Amino acid sequence: IPYSKTWQDIKDLFKAAGGNIIRVNLFEGMNGRSKGQGTILFETVQDAKNAIAKFNQYEWGGRKLEVREVNITFSFFF
């Protein structure tokens, strides 16, 4: 992800793949600067697959996007 892009920029770009985006997270280093990485949570697996097909290796802001599926497990402790 280009370092200057915000979560809203990413959401706007990925809306073009269709589907519903639930959340966009950008990763920052200890210095508060973007690491150029993030995650997007889609409403359905098919929405995510469509985004991967459309945007993997897509050039954006001078950088090539690597878009792939990751499995995230949520654990809640009460």
C-alpha atoms as a PDB file:
ATOM      1  CA  ILE A   1       0.000   0.000   0.000  1.00  0.00           C
ATOM      2  CA  PRO A   2       1.446   3.400  -0.826  1.00  0.00           C
ATOM      3  CA  TYR A   3       2.576   4.998   2.440  1.00  0.00           C
ATOM      4  CA  SER A   4       0.516   8.147   1.884  1.00  0.00           C
ATOM      5  CA  LYS A   5      -2.811   6.305   1.558  1.00  0.00           C
ATOM      6  CA  THR A   6      -5.421   6.340   4.321  1.00  0.00           C
ATOM      7  CA  TRP A   7      -7.943   3.679   5.295  1.00  0.00           C
ATOM      8  CA  GLN A   8     -10.592   5.699   3.436  1.00  0.00           C
ATOM      9  CA  ASP A   9      -8.478   5.718   0.237  1.00  0.00           C
ATOM     10  CA  ILE A  10      -8.199   1.933   0.449  1.00  0.00           C
ATOM     11  CA  LYS A  11     -11.907   1.491   1.112  1.00  0.00           C
ATOM     12  CA  ASP A  12     -12.752   3.725  -1.851  1.00  0.00           C
ATOM     13  CA  LEU A  13     -10.428   1.769  -4.165  1.00  0.00           C
ATOM     14  CA  PHE A  14     -11.692  -1.656  -3.114  1.00  0.00           C
ATOM     15  CA  LYS A  15     -15.353  -0.636  -3.436  1.00  0.00           C
ATOM     16  CA  ALA A  16     -14.732  -0.964  -7.190  1.00  0.00           C
ATOM     17  CA  ALA A  17     -14.536  -4.747  -6.717  1.00  0.00           C
ATOM     18  CA  GLY A  18     -18.092  -4.718  -5.398  1.00  0.00           C
ATOM     19  CA  GLY A  19     -19.296  -6.197  -2.167  1.00  0.00           C
ATOM     20  CA  ASN A  20     -19.454  -4.776   1.299  1.00  0.00           C
ATOM     21  CA  ILE A  21     -16.343  -3.755   3.209  1.00  0.00           C
ATOM     22  CA  ILE A  22     -16.724  -4.144   6.960  1.00  0.00           C
ATOM     23  CA  ARG A  23     -13.373  -2.760   8.118  1.00  0.00           C
ATOM     24  CA  VAL A  24      -9.981  -1.540   6.880  1.00  0.00           C
ATOM     25  CA  ASN A  25      -6.912  -1.719   9.138  1.00  0.00           C
ATOM     26  CA  LEU A  26      -3.559  -0.146   8.314  1.00  0.00           C
ATOM     27  CA  PHE A  27      -0.421  -1.283  10.128  1.00  0.00           C
ATOM     28  CA  GLU A  28       1.918   1.293  11.622  1.00  0.00           C
ATOM     29  CA  GLY A  29       5.417   1.017  13.008  1.00  0.00           C
ATOM     30  CA  MET A  30       6.542   2.164  16.456  1.00  0.00           C
ATOM     31  CA  ASN A  31       7.181   5.600  14.963  1.00  0.00           C
ATOM     32  CA  GLY A  32       3.517   5.929  13.922  1.00  0.00           C
ATOM     33  CA  ARG A  33       4.319   5.779  10.216  1.00  0.00           C
ATOM     34  CA  SER A  34       2.591   3.425   7.812  1.00  0.00           C
ATOM     35  CA  LYS A  35       4.254   0.078   7.140  1.00  0.00           C
ATOM     36  CA  GLY A  36       2.539  -0.066   3.744  1.00  0.00           C
ATOM     37  CA  GLN A  37       0.464  -3.054   4.869  1.00  0.00           C
ATOM     38  CA  GLY A  38      -3.085  -3.591   5.995  1.00  0.00           C
ATOM     39  CA  THR A  39      -6.130  -5.810   6.047  1.00  0.00           C
ATOM     40  CA  ILE A  40      -9.628  -5.473   4.680  1.00  0.00           C
ATOM     41  CA  LEU A  41     -12.534  -7.405   6.155  1.00  0.00           C
ATOM     42  CA  PHE A  42     -15.259  -8.137   3.615  1.00  0.00           C
ATOM     43  CA  GLU A  43     -18.810  -9.199   4.377  1.00  0.00           C
ATOM     44  CA  THR A  44     -18.490 -12.447   2.411  1.00  0.00           C
ATOM     45  CA  VAL A  45     -15.736 -14.750   1.219  1.00  0.00           C
ATOM     46  CA  GLN A  46     -16.888 -14.151  -2.352  1.00  0.00           C
ATOM     47  CA  ASP A  47     -16.483 -10.381  -1.911  1.00  0.00           C
ATOM     48  CA  ALA A  48     -12.899 -10.999  -0.785  1.00  0.00           C
ATOM     49  CA  LYS A  49     -12.194 -13.340  -3.708  1.00  0.00           C
ATOM     50  CA  ASN A  50     -13.507 -10.732  -6.156  1.00  0.00           C
ATOM     51  CA  ALA A  51     -11.189  -8.115  -4.635  1.00  0.00           C
ATOM     52  CA  ILE A  52      -8.208 -10.474  -4.877  1.00  0.00           C
ATOM     53  CA  ALA A  53      -8.970 -11.199  -8.536  1.00  0.00           C
ATOM     54  CA  LYS A  54      -9.324  -7.504  -9.354  1.00  0.00           C
ATOM     55  CA  PHE A  55      -6.489  -5.950  -7.329  1.00  0.00           C
ATOM     56  CA  ASN A  56      -3.684  -8.481  -6.853  1.00  0.00           C
ATOM     57  CA  GLN A  57      -0.603  -7.038  -8.610  1.00  0.00           C
ATOM     58  CA  TYR A  58      -2.534  -3.802  -9.303  1.00  0.00           C
ATOM     59  CA  GLU A  59      -0.253  -0.754  -9.474  1.00  0.00           C
ATOM     60  CA  TRP A  60      -1.437   2.045  -7.213  1.00  0.00           C
ATOM     61  CA  GLY A  61       0.502   5.144  -6.277  1.00  0.00           C
ATOM     62  CA  GLY A  62       3.718   3.735  -7.682  1.00  0.00           C
ATOM     63  CA  ARG A  63       3.480   0.472  -5.726  1.00  0.00           C
ATOM     64  CA  LYS A  64       2.209  -2.941  -6.747  1.00  0.00           C
ATOM     65  CA  LEU A  65      -0.435  -4.322  -4.406  1.00  0.00           C
ATOM     66  CA  GLU A  66      -0.125  -7.870  -3.113  1.00  0.00           C
ATOM     67  CA  VAL A  67      -3.687  -8.879  -2.300  1.00  0.00           C
ATOM     68  CA  ARG A  68      -4.270 -12.288  -0.782  1.00  0.00           C
ATOM     69  CA  GLU A  69      -6.553 -14.097   1.598  1.00  0.00           C
ATOM     70  CA  VAL A  70      -5.517 -14.409   5.216  1.00  0.00           C
ATOM     71  CA  ASN A  71      -7.279 -16.348   7.914  1.00  0.00           C
ATOM     72  CA  ILE A  72      -7.782 -14.433  11.107  1.00  0.00           C
ATOM     73  CA  THR A  73      -8.962 -16.138  14.257  1.00  0.00           C
ATOM     74  CA  PHE A  74     -10.684 -14.028  16.853  1.00  0.00           C
ATOM     75  CA  SER A  75     -10.458 -14.983  20.503  1.00  0.00           C
ATOM     76  CA  PHE A  76     -12.505 -13.303  23.174  1.00  0.00           C
ATOM     77  CA  PHE A  77     -11.768 -13.624  26.869  1.00  0.00           C
ATOM     78  CA  PHE A  78     -14.215 -12.481  29.524  1.00  0.00           C
END
